[in-house]
Amino acid sequence: MIPYGDANAQITTGRFLCYDPENFVADQYGKPQLKVLWDSQQWNITFSHPKFNVPVVSGGKIFVPTYDGRVDVYGLAGT
């Protein structure tokens, strides 16, 4: 999770990225980097960055806490 603004000074929107920890791809300089599996920007999903609250992965799903007392759940279809 990446805040777009200064999450220490205010509530800000953020970006959520999921990486494949087993497969690497080469960057523009040929160095290996983690392959991005999912990016909230590609789906136009906006949320308030939950400073100090980390996502939890369980059963193939990712649970992301929100500032308004909800939990957003992301996963692949059929899981």
N, C-alpha and C. Protein backbone atom coordinates (compact mmCIF):
# COMPACT_ATOMS: atom_id res chain seq x y z
N MET A 1 0.84 -1.16 0.00
CA MET A 1 0.00 0.00 0.00
C MET A 1 0.90 1.23 0.00
N ILE A 2 0.55 2.17 -0.86
CA ILE A 2 1.37 3.37 -1.04
C ILE A 2 0.47 4.60 -0.91
N PRO A 3 0.77 5.51 0.03
CA PRO A 3 -0.04 6.72 0.12
C PRO A 3 0.32 7.69 -1.00
N TYR A 4 -0.67 8.42 -1.51
CA TYR A 4 -0.41 9.44 -2.53
C TYR A 4 0.05 10.75 -1.90
N GLY A 5 -0.34 11.01 -0.66
CA GLY A 5 0.05 12.24 0.01
C GLY A 5 0.84 11.93 1.26
N ASP A 6 0.96 12.89 2.14
CA ASP A 6 1.68 12.73 3.40
C ASP A 6 0.73 12.10 4.43
N ALA A 7 0.78 10.80 4.58
CA ALA A 7 -0.11 10.08 5.50
C ALA A 7 0.19 10.40 6.96
N ASN A 8 1.33 11.02 7.24
CA ASN A 8 1.65 11.42 8.62
C ASN A 8 0.94 12.72 9.00
N ALA A 9 0.56 13.52 8.02
CA ALA A 9 -0.04 14.83 8.30
C ALA A 9 -1.55 14.85 8.09
N GLN A 10 -2.07 13.93 7.27
CA GLN A 10 -3.50 13.97 6.94
C GLN A 10 -3.94 12.62 6.40
N ILE A 11 -5.23 12.42 6.34
CA ILE A 11 -5.76 11.23 5.68
C ILE A 11 -5.64 11.46 4.18
N THR A 12 -5.05 10.50 3.49
CA THR A 12 -4.79 10.65 2.06
C THR A 12 -5.22 9.40 1.32
N THR A 13 -5.46 9.53 0.04
CA THR A 13 -5.78 8.37 -0.76
C THR A 13 -4.52 7.55 -1.00
N GLY A 14 -4.71 6.33 -1.46
CA GLY A 14 -3.56 5.47 -1.66
C GLY A 14 -3.70 4.54 -2.84
N ARG A 15 -2.64 3.79 -3.07
CA ARG A 15 -2.56 2.81 -4.15
C ARG A 15 -2.25 1.47 -3.53
N PHE A 16 -2.85 0.42 -4.07
CA PHE A 16 -2.67 -0.92 -3.54
C PHE A 16 -2.10 -1.80 -4.65
N LEU A 17 -0.96 -2.41 -4.39
CA LEU A 17 -0.29 -3.26 -5.37
C LEU A 17 -0.11 -4.67 -4.79
N CYS A 18 -0.30 -5.68 -5.63
CA CYS A 18 -0.04 -7.07 -5.24
C CYS A 18 1.06 -7.59 -6.14
N TYR A 19 2.05 -8.25 -5.55
CA TYR A 19 3.19 -8.76 -6.29
C TYR A 19 3.23 -10.29 -6.26
N ASP A 20 3.84 -10.88 -7.27
CA ASP A 20 4.07 -12.32 -7.32
C ASP A 20 5.45 -12.57 -6.71
N PRO A 21 5.51 -13.18 -5.51
CA PRO A 21 6.81 -13.34 -4.84
C PRO A 21 7.69 -14.42 -5.45
N GLU A 22 7.17 -15.20 -6.39
CA GLU A 22 7.95 -16.30 -6.95
C GLU A 22 8.47 -16.02 -8.36
N ASN A 23 7.90 -15.05 -9.02
CA ASN A 23 8.31 -14.77 -10.40
C ASN A 23 8.82 -13.34 -10.52
N PHE A 24 9.99 -13.21 -11.12
CA PHE A 24 10.59 -11.91 -11.31
C PHE A 24 10.56 -11.53 -12.78
N VAL A 25 10.53 -10.25 -13.06
CA VAL A 25 10.64 -9.73 -14.42
C VAL A 25 11.80 -8.74 -14.43
N ALA A 26 12.33 -8.47 -15.62
CA ALA A 26 13.44 -7.53 -15.72
C ALA A 26 12.90 -6.11 -15.89
N ASP A 27 13.53 -5.16 -15.18
CA ASP A 27 13.15 -3.76 -15.36
C ASP A 27 13.86 -3.22 -16.60
N GLN A 28 13.76 -1.93 -16.83
CA GLN A 28 14.34 -1.33 -18.04
C GLN A 28 15.87 -1.43 -18.09
N TYR A 29 16.50 -1.70 -16.95
CA TYR A 29 17.95 -1.82 -16.90
C TYR A 29 18.40 -3.27 -16.83
N GLY A 30 17.45 -4.20 -16.93
CA GLY A 30 17.78 -5.62 -16.90
C GLY A 30 17.87 -6.22 -15.50
N LYS A 31 17.58 -5.44 -14.47
CA LYS A 31 17.63 -5.94 -13.10
C LYS A 31 16.31 -6.61 -12.75
N PRO A 32 16.36 -7.71 -11.99
CA PRO A 32 15.11 -8.39 -11.64
C PRO A 32 14.27 -7.59 -10.64
N GLN A 33 12.97 -7.65 -10.82
CA GLN A 33 12.05 -7.01 -9.88
C GLN A 33 10.81 -7.89 -9.78
N LEU A 34 10.06 -7.71 -8.71
CA LEU A 34 8.85 -8.50 -8.53
C LEU A 34 7.82 -8.15 -9.59
N LYS A 35 7.11 -9.16 -10.07
CA LYS A 35 6.07 -8.96 -11.07
C LYS A 35 4.79 -8.49 -10.39
N VAL A 36 4.19 -7.40 -10.88
CA VAL A 36 2.94 -6.88 -10.34
C VAL A 36 1.79 -7.75 -10.85
N LEU A 37 1.01 -8.30 -9.91
CA LEU A 37 -0.16 -9.11 -10.28
C LEU A 37 -1.42 -8.27 -10.38
N TRP A 38 -1.52 -7.25 -9.54
CA TRP A 38 -2.75 -6.45 -9.47
C TRP A 38 -2.40 -5.06 -8.99
N ASP A 39 -3.05 -4.06 -9.58
CA ASP A 39 -2.80 -2.66 -9.24
C ASP A 39 -4.15 -1.94 -9.15
N SER A 40 -4.44 -1.32 -8.02
CA SER A 40 -5.72 -0.65 -7.83
C SER A 40 -5.94 0.48 -8.85
N GLN A 41 -4.87 1.09 -9.35
CA GLN A 41 -5.01 2.15 -10.34
C GLN A 41 -5.62 1.63 -11.63
N GLN A 42 -5.29 0.40 -12.02
CA GLN A 42 -5.83 -0.16 -13.26
C GLN A 42 -7.33 -0.40 -13.16
N TRP A 43 -7.86 -0.53 -11.95
CA TRP A 43 -9.28 -0.78 -11.74
C TRP A 43 -10.01 0.47 -11.26
N ASN A 44 -9.32 1.60 -11.21
CA ASN A 44 -9.89 2.87 -10.73
C ASN A 44 -10.50 2.74 -9.33
N ILE A 45 -9.84 1.98 -8.48
CA ILE A 45 -10.28 1.81 -7.09
C ILE A 45 -9.58 2.85 -6.24
N THR A 46 -10.36 3.69 -5.56
CA THR A 46 -9.79 4.68 -4.67
C THR A 46 -10.18 4.36 -3.23
N PHE A 47 -9.29 4.64 -2.32
CA PHE A 47 -9.55 4.39 -0.91
C PHE A 47 -8.66 5.30 -0.08
N SER A 48 -9.02 5.49 1.17
CA SER A 48 -8.18 6.25 2.09
C SER A 48 -7.09 5.32 2.61
N HIS A 49 -5.86 5.77 2.49
CA HIS A 49 -4.72 4.95 2.92
C HIS A 49 -4.80 4.70 4.43
N PRO A 50 -4.88 3.44 4.87
CA PRO A 50 -5.01 3.15 6.29
C PRO A 50 -3.65 3.10 6.99
N LYS A 51 -3.11 4.26 7.29
CA LYS A 51 -1.81 4.37 7.94
C LYS A 51 -1.73 3.44 9.15
N PHE A 52 -0.66 2.70 9.29
CA PHE A 52 -0.38 1.76 10.37
C PHE A 52 -1.20 0.48 10.30
N ASN A 53 -2.17 0.37 9.41
CA ASN A 53 -2.95 -0.86 9.26
C ASN A 53 -2.49 -1.57 8.00
N VAL A 54 -2.02 -2.77 8.15
CA VAL A 54 -1.49 -3.51 7.01
C VAL A 54 -2.52 -4.51 6.50
N PRO A 55 -2.47 -4.82 5.21
CA PRO A 55 -3.37 -5.84 4.68
C PRO A 55 -3.02 -7.21 5.25
N VAL A 56 -4.01 -8.08 5.30
CA VAL A 56 -3.82 -9.46 5.77
C VAL A 56 -4.19 -10.39 4.63
N VAL A 57 -3.33 -11.39 4.37
CA VAL A 57 -3.59 -12.36 3.33
C VAL A 57 -4.00 -13.67 3.98
N SER A 58 -5.13 -14.24 3.51
CA SER A 58 -5.61 -15.51 4.04
C SER A 58 -6.51 -16.17 3.00
N GLY A 59 -6.30 -17.45 2.77
CA GLY A 59 -7.16 -18.20 1.87
C GLY A 59 -7.25 -17.66 0.46
N GLY A 60 -6.18 -17.07 -0.05
CA GLY A 60 -6.18 -16.53 -1.40
C GLY A 60 -6.85 -15.18 -1.53
N LYS A 61 -7.20 -14.58 -0.43
CA LYS A 61 -7.84 -13.26 -0.44
C LYS A 61 -6.99 -12.28 0.36
N ILE A 62 -7.17 -10.99 0.05
CA ILE A 62 -6.45 -9.94 0.77
C ILE A 62 -7.49 -9.07 1.46
N PHE A 63 -7.32 -8.88 2.75
CA PHE A 63 -8.24 -8.10 3.57
C PHE A 63 -7.56 -6.78 3.92
N VAL A 64 -8.19 -5.67 3.49
CA VAL A 64 -7.61 -4.34 3.68
C VAL A 64 -8.52 -3.52 4.59
N PRO A 65 -8.03 -3.07 5.77
CA PRO A 65 -8.85 -2.24 6.66
C PRO A 65 -9.05 -0.85 6.09
N THR A 66 -10.16 -0.22 6.46
CA THR A 66 -10.46 1.13 6.00
C THR A 66 -10.65 2.05 7.20
N TYR A 67 -10.66 3.35 6.95
CA TYR A 67 -10.85 4.32 8.02
C TYR A 67 -12.28 4.38 8.53
N ASP A 68 -13.24 3.91 7.72
CA ASP A 68 -14.63 4.00 8.15
C ASP A 68 -15.16 2.71 8.78
N GLY A 69 -14.26 1.86 9.26
CA GLY A 69 -14.66 0.67 9.99
C GLY A 69 -15.01 -0.53 9.13
N ARG A 70 -14.73 -0.46 7.85
CA ARG A 70 -14.99 -1.58 6.95
C ARG A 70 -13.70 -2.34 6.67
N VAL A 71 -13.86 -3.48 6.04
CA VAL A 71 -12.72 -4.24 5.53
C VAL A 71 -13.02 -4.55 4.08
N ASP A 72 -12.15 -4.10 3.18
CA ASP A 72 -12.28 -4.43 1.76
C ASP A 72 -11.60 -5.76 1.52
N VAL A 73 -12.24 -6.63 0.74
CA VAL A 73 -11.71 -7.97 0.46
C VAL A 73 -11.46 -8.07 -1.04
N TYR A 74 -10.24 -8.45 -1.39
CA TYR A 74 -9.86 -8.63 -2.80
C TYR A 74 -9.39 -10.06 -2.99
N GLY A 75 -9.72 -10.62 -4.13
CA GLY A 75 -9.27 -11.97 -4.45
C GLY A 75 -9.59 -12.29 -5.90
N LEU A 76 -9.06 -13.38 -6.38
CA LEU A 76 -9.35 -13.81 -7.73
C LEU A 76 -10.75 -14.40 -7.79
N ALA A 77 -11.40 -14.27 -8.91
CA ALA A 77 -12.75 -14.82 -9.07
C ALA A 77 -12.71 -16.33 -8.85
N GLY A 78 -13.66 -16.80 -8.09
CA GLY A 78 -13.76 -18.24 -7.81
C GLY A 78 -12.97 -18.71 -6.62
N THR A 79 -12.31 -17.79 -5.89
CA THR A 79 -11.56 -18.21 -4.70
C THR A 79 -12.27 -17.78 -3.45
